[in-house]
Every structure is written in structure tokens, then in C-alpha cells.
Amino acid sequence: MDEARAVLERLRRIELLEREGATAPHLLAEVRALLVEAEAWVRAEPGGTARAEEALDDCRRALDRAPVGARA
């Protein structure tokens, strides 16, 4: 479950960066890395899961639409 640990650690890192006021491009780079790690996790799961793959597809689409440099 190294893949799961990597995803959880990346999520903690993103939360910390948000609290510290990281720039949008920096956060976006972390989210992209999270997506790569989540894909590895899905591939490592026996048989994978349809819900996980659908969630990853949703993340990919959201990243494609994300305005870089904009902060909420």
C-alpha cells in the first residue's frame, strides 16, 4: 500500500501549502502530481475499481478546465 501512503501524504502536503498561501501554479503542480500518484494507486489495486477510475477521469477534466493563476 505504498501507493495509498503516497496519495495521503500528497493530500497533506497540498493542505499545508494551501494554509501557507502557496501560489496557484505551485498548488496546481501538486495536484497534477497527486493525479499521477492516484493513477498508480488504482493500477496497484487488484482489478482496480470503476469508481476510482471515474474519479480520476473527473480530476483530469477538472485540471483541463482549471484557470492557472486564479485563487479562490
Protein backbone atom coordinates (compact mmCIF):
# COMPACT_ATOMS: atom_id res chain seq x y z
CA MET A 1 0.00 0.00 0.00
CA ASP A 2 2.89 2.38 -0.69
CA GLU A 3 0.72 3.95 -3.38
CA ALA A 4 -2.02 4.75 -0.86
CA ARG A 5 0.50 6.28 1.53
CA ALA A 6 1.88 8.46 -1.28
CA VAL A 7 -1.60 9.77 -2.08
CA LEU A 8 -2.37 10.54 1.56
CA GLU A 9 0.99 12.27 2.03
CA ARG A 10 0.44 14.36 -1.11
CA LEU A 11 -3.00 15.40 0.17
CA ARG A 12 -1.46 16.51 3.49
CA ARG A 13 1.19 18.45 1.58
CA ILE A 14 -1.44 20.22 -0.53
CA GLU A 15 -3.43 21.16 2.59
CA LEU A 16 -0.30 22.59 4.22
CA LEU A 17 0.60 24.56 1.10
CA GLU A 18 -2.94 26.00 0.95
CA ARG A 19 -2.71 27.12 4.59
CA GLU A 20 0.67 28.71 3.86
CA GLY A 21 -0.78 30.64 0.91
CA ALA A 22 1.09 28.86 -1.89
CA THR A 23 0.62 30.23 -5.37
CA ALA A 24 -1.93 28.70 -7.71
CA PRO A 25 0.71 27.35 -10.14
CA HIS A 26 2.52 25.66 -7.23
CA LEU A 27 -0.73 24.10 -5.97
CA LEU A 28 -1.65 23.01 -9.48
CA ALA A 29 1.70 21.24 -9.84
CA GLU A 30 0.99 19.39 -6.59
CA VAL A 31 -2.48 18.41 -7.77
CA ARG A 32 -1.02 17.09 -11.01
CA ALA A 33 1.47 15.02 -9.00
CA LEU A 34 -1.43 13.79 -6.88
CA LEU A 35 -3.21 12.64 -10.02
CA VAL A 36 -0.15 10.65 -11.12
CA GLU A 37 0.09 9.03 -7.69
CA ALA A 38 -3.63 8.26 -7.62
CA GLU A 39 -3.35 6.60 -11.02
CA ALA A 40 -0.53 4.42 -9.68
CA TRP A 41 -2.70 3.50 -6.72
CA VAL A 42 -5.59 2.46 -8.96
CA ARG A 43 -3.25 0.36 -11.10
CA ALA A 44 -1.85 -1.34 -7.99
CA GLU A 45 -5.29 -2.33 -6.68
CA PRO A 46 -6.31 -5.86 -7.60
CA GLY A 47 -8.69 -5.43 -10.50
CA GLY A 48 -8.87 -1.65 -9.95
CA THR A 49 -12.25 -0.09 -9.35
CA ALA A 50 -14.67 1.58 -11.73
CA ARG A 51 -15.44 4.33 -9.18
CA ALA A 52 -11.77 5.16 -8.68
CA GLU A 53 -11.14 5.31 -12.41
CA GLU A 54 -14.19 7.54 -12.86
CA ALA A 55 -12.93 9.86 -10.11
CA LEU A 56 -9.55 10.09 -11.81
CA ASP A 57 -11.22 10.97 -15.10
CA ASP A 58 -13.18 13.69 -13.28
CA CYS A 59 -9.91 15.05 -11.85
CA ARG A 60 -8.30 15.08 -15.29
CA ARG A 61 -11.23 17.04 -16.73
CA ALA A 62 -11.14 19.49 -13.84
CA LEU A 63 -7.42 20.08 -14.32
CA ASP A 64 -8.01 20.77 -18.01
CA ARG A 65 -10.51 23.47 -17.05
CA ALA A 66 -8.57 24.91 -14.06
CA PRO A 67 -7.56 28.54 -14.57
CA VAL A 68 -3.87 28.78 -13.71
CA GLY A 69 -3.05 31.79 -11.55
CA ALA A 70 -6.57 32.25 -10.19
CA ARG A 71 -7.14 31.80 -6.47
CA ALA A 72 -10.46 31.41 -4.75
